[in-house]
Amino acid sequence: MAKATGELDRVVGGGRLVTEEDIPRLPYLDAVVKETLRVHPVAPLLAPRLSREDTSVGAYDIPAGTIQSLRGYVNVWAIARDPALWGDASEEFRPERFVGSGVDVKGHDLEFLPFGSGRRMCPGLGLGMKMVQLMLANLLQAFAWRLPDGVGVDDLSMEEKFGLSMPRMVPLEAVPEPKLPAHLYDGPCP
């Protein structure tokens, strides 16, 4: 959090709110969003796929059109935690792994597929990334965040409920404290 807010302070400052034009100059914020999507994917399984042509996956040959009910699921959650791809610290939240890595969210790197890949990639990718990056940047720039009184970091549970999406089992409670000049909170968001 300190690195992301420090980057915002250096690039944007405290005299104005962050805008969409600032986002390309915030590589650490981009890394935080990517790492969040890696460790906590919105959908743990991509939409089912049906093989339209003969193909092989690992040691399995999948013939085209022989069994229409044969569908393959891509387990994004498991791929994102695979130590062979992400190292021994694959379960840890480390945005630095994306800084300068060139790994993108567009599915070109098969170890990172938060929006799927290819022709069936999520059509909301562009808007979704811009919205998440801008909202996170605004929340980090405009507020200092702390846990409620009596709650420590060790009290937090990062357990998730498995389903179509993966919400936290215990919702996070945090206390925002404004840190920018008061006039910046009066008008509409940029």
Protein backbone atom coordinates (compact mmCIF):
# COMPACT_ATOMS: atom_id res chain seq x y z
CA MET A 1 0.00 0.00 0.00
CA ALA A 2 2.86 2.35 0.84
CA LYS A 3 4.53 1.74 -2.55
CA ALA A 4 1.29 2.34 -4.48
CA THR A 5 0.42 5.52 -2.57
CA GLY A 6 4.02 6.72 -2.88
CA GLU A 7 3.84 6.27 -6.65
CA LEU A 8 0.55 8.22 -6.74
CA ASP A 9 2.06 11.03 -4.65
CA ARG A 10 5.07 11.27 -7.01
CA VAL A 11 3.12 11.10 -10.28
CA VAL A 12 -0.13 12.92 -9.42
CA GLY A 13 0.58 14.79 -6.19
CA GLY A 14 -2.00 15.98 -3.70
CA GLY A 15 -3.36 19.02 -5.52
CA ARG A 16 -5.71 17.19 -7.89
CA LEU A 17 -7.43 13.84 -8.26
CA VAL A 18 -5.92 11.10 -10.40
CA THR A 19 -7.37 10.82 -13.91
CA GLU A 20 -7.43 8.15 -16.60
CA GLU A 21 -4.54 9.91 -18.36
CA ASP A 22 -2.33 9.28 -15.29
CA ILE A 23 -2.81 5.49 -15.32
CA PRO A 24 -0.09 4.66 -17.93
CA ARG A 25 2.44 6.46 -15.68
CA LEU A 26 1.54 4.27 -12.67
CA PRO A 27 3.30 0.92 -13.33
CA TYR A 28 3.24 -0.21 -9.70
CA LEU A 29 -0.53 0.38 -9.49
CA ASP A 30 -0.88 -1.72 -12.67
CA ALA A 31 1.20 -4.45 -11.00
CA VAL A 32 -1.06 -4.35 -7.90
CA VAL A 33 -4.17 -4.82 -10.07
CA LYS A 34 -2.56 -7.71 -11.99
CA GLU A 35 -1.41 -9.42 -8.80
CA THR A 36 -4.88 -9.03 -7.31
CA LEU A 37 -6.39 -10.66 -10.40
CA ARG A 38 -3.80 -13.45 -10.18
CA VAL A 39 -4.28 -14.29 -6.50
CA HIS A 40 -8.02 -13.58 -6.35
CA PRO A 41 -9.48 -14.16 -9.84
CA VAL A 42 -13.02 -12.92 -10.37
CA ALA A 43 -14.02 -16.25 -11.91
CA PRO A 44 -11.97 -19.31 -10.85
CA LEU A 45 -12.99 -21.25 -13.96
CA LEU A 46 -13.15 -19.76 -17.42
CA ALA A 47 -16.27 -20.31 -19.50
CA PRO A 48 -16.44 -23.91 -20.81
CA ARG A 49 -14.89 -24.67 -24.18
CA LEU A 50 -15.78 -27.22 -26.81
CA SER A 51 -13.07 -28.50 -29.10
CA ARG A 52 -13.93 -27.74 -32.74
CA GLU A 53 -10.93 -29.57 -34.15
CA ASP A 54 -8.66 -32.44 -33.16
CA THR A 55 -6.24 -31.28 -30.51
CA SER A 56 -3.98 -32.53 -27.73
CA VAL A 57 -3.76 -31.23 -24.19
CA GLY A 58 -0.84 -32.75 -22.34
CA ALA A 59 -1.11 -36.53 -22.81
CA TYR A 60 -4.79 -36.35 -23.82
CA ASP A 61 -6.03 -36.44 -27.43
CA ILE A 62 -9.33 -34.64 -27.83
CA PRO A 63 -11.10 -35.44 -31.11
CA ALA A 64 -13.33 -32.82 -32.69
CA GLY A 65 -17.08 -33.25 -32.57
CA THR A 66 -17.16 -36.84 -31.28
CA ILE A 67 -18.84 -36.08 -27.98
CA GLN A 68 -20.69 -32.79 -27.94
CA SER A 69 -20.99 -32.85 -24.15
CA LEU A 70 -17.23 -33.10 -23.69
CA ARG A 71 -16.26 -29.68 -22.45
CA GLY A 72 -13.00 -28.43 -21.09
CA TYR A 73 -12.72 -25.98 -18.22
CA VAL A 74 -9.65 -23.83 -17.61
CA ASN A 75 -8.92 -23.56 -13.89
CA VAL A 76 -7.48 -20.03 -13.65
CA TRP A 77 -7.30 -20.28 -9.86
CA ALA A 78 -5.00 -23.33 -9.99
CA ILE A 79 -2.82 -21.90 -12.77
CA ALA A 80 -2.31 -18.71 -10.74
CA ARG A 81 -1.05 -20.72 -7.75
CA ASP A 82 1.19 -23.14 -9.63
CA PRO A 83 4.71 -22.97 -8.10
CA ALA A 84 6.18 -24.17 -11.41
CA LEU A 85 4.93 -20.92 -13.00
CA TRP A 86 5.06 -18.44 -10.11
CA GLY A 87 7.80 -19.82 -7.82
CA ASP A 88 7.67 -21.01 -4.24
CA ALA A 89 5.86 -17.85 -3.13
CA SER A 90 2.93 -18.41 -5.50
CA GLU A 91 0.40 -18.05 -2.65
CA GLU A 92 1.82 -14.69 -1.54
CA PHE A 93 0.67 -11.28 -2.74
CA ARG A 94 3.74 -9.77 -4.46
CA PRO A 95 2.96 -7.09 -7.06
CA GLU A 96 6.68 -6.78 -7.83
CA ARG A 97 6.47 -9.97 -9.90
CA PHE A 98 4.63 -7.94 -12.59
CA VAL A 99 6.82 -4.80 -12.55
CA GLY A 100 8.65 -4.77 -15.89
CA SER A 101 7.61 -8.37 -16.65
CA GLY A 102 5.65 -7.77 -19.85
CA VAL A 103 2.96 -10.27 -18.74
CA ASP A 104 -0.39 -8.80 -19.76
CA VAL A 105 -4.05 -9.51 -19.04
CA LYS A 106 -4.94 -10.20 -22.68
CA GLY A 107 -4.30 -13.94 -22.52
CA HIS A 108 -1.04 -13.96 -24.49
CA ASP A 109 0.72 -15.38 -21.44
CA LEU A 110 -1.08 -18.60 -20.62
CA GLU A 111 0.07 -18.50 -16.99
CA PHE A 112 -2.10 -15.40 -16.43
CA LEU A 113 -5.67 -15.53 -17.80
CA PRO A 114 -7.96 -13.33 -15.69
CA PHE A 115 -10.12 -12.49 -18.72
CA GLY A 116 -9.61 -15.64 -20.77
CA SER A 117 -7.82 -15.79 -24.09
CA GLY A 118 -8.40 -15.81 -27.81
CA ARG A 119 -11.70 -15.23 -29.56
CA ARG A 120 -13.68 -15.98 -26.42
CA MET A 121 -11.85 -13.50 -24.23
CA CYS A 122 -14.06 -11.36 -21.99
CA PRO A 123 -15.34 -8.44 -24.09
CA GLY A 124 -15.27 -6.22 -20.99
CA LEU A 125 -11.48 -6.46 -20.58
CA GLY A 126 -10.64 -2.89 -21.66
CA LEU A 127 -13.37 -1.17 -19.70
CA GLY A 128 -12.93 -3.46 -16.70
CA MET A 129 -9.20 -2.80 -16.39
CA LYS A 130 -9.60 0.96 -16.79
CA MET A 131 -12.38 1.10 -14.19
CA VAL A 132 -10.54 -1.05 -11.63
CA GLN A 133 -7.27 0.85 -12.06
CA LEU A 134 -8.95 4.28 -11.84
CA MET A 135 -11.14 3.35 -8.85
CA LEU A 136 -8.21 1.83 -6.97
CA ALA A 137 -6.02 4.84 -7.76
CA ASN A 138 -8.72 7.23 -6.48
CA LEU A 139 -9.29 5.22 -3.30
CA LEU A 140 -5.56 5.05 -2.54
CA GLN A 141 -4.87 8.68 -3.40
CA ALA A 142 -7.84 10.23 -1.61
CA PHE A 143 -7.88 8.19 1.60
CA ALA A 144 -5.55 6.78 4.21
CA TRP A 145 -6.88 3.31 5.06
CA ARG A 146 -6.74 1.55 8.41
CA LEU A 147 -8.38 -1.40 10.10
CA PRO A 148 -11.17 -0.75 12.63
CA ASP A 149 -10.12 -0.27 16.25
CA GLY A 150 -9.30 -3.57 17.89
CA VAL A 151 -8.70 -5.41 14.59
CA GLY A 152 -5.16 -6.43 13.69
CA VAL A 153 -3.65 -7.76 10.49
CA ASP A 154 -3.54 -11.25 12.01
CA ASP A 155 -7.33 -11.10 12.53
CA LEU A 156 -8.02 -10.82 8.78
CA SER A 157 -9.26 -13.87 6.91
CA MET A 158 -8.46 -14.14 3.21
CA GLU A 159 -10.56 -17.31 2.79
CA GLU A 160 -12.87 -17.29 -0.19
CA LYS A 161 -16.16 -19.00 -1.06
CA PHE A 162 -15.94 -21.10 -4.20
CA GLY A 163 -18.56 -20.50 -6.84
CA LEU A 164 -19.07 -18.71 -10.14
CA SER A 165 -17.16 -15.86 -8.53
CA MET A 166 -15.00 -16.03 -5.41
CA PRO A 167 -16.09 -13.52 -2.75
CA ARG A 168 -14.37 -13.41 0.61
CA MET A 169 -15.91 -15.56 3.34
CA VAL A 170 -15.59 -12.71 5.81
CA PRO A 171 -16.06 -9.25 4.27
CA LEU A 172 -13.18 -6.82 4.76
CA GLU A 173 -13.93 -3.83 6.95
CA ALA A 174 -11.64 -0.82 6.61
CA VAL A 175 -11.82 2.78 7.80
CA PRO A 176 -11.07 5.54 5.26
CA GLU A 177 -9.64 8.85 6.44
CA PRO A 178 -9.57 11.73 3.91
CA LYS A 179 -6.05 12.96 3.17
CA LEU A 180 -6.49 15.46 0.31
CA PRO A 181 -7.64 19.11 0.49
CA ALA A 182 -11.38 19.31 1.25
CA HIS A 183 -12.29 21.09 -2.02
CA LEU A 184 -11.24 17.98 -4.01
CA TYR A 185 -14.03 15.95 -2.39
CA ASP A 186 -16.80 18.44 -3.27
CA GLY A 187 -17.09 18.10 -7.07
CA PRO A 188 -17.80 15.19 -9.36
CA CYS A 189 -15.16 12.53 -9.86
CA PRO A 190 -12.97 12.98 -12.94
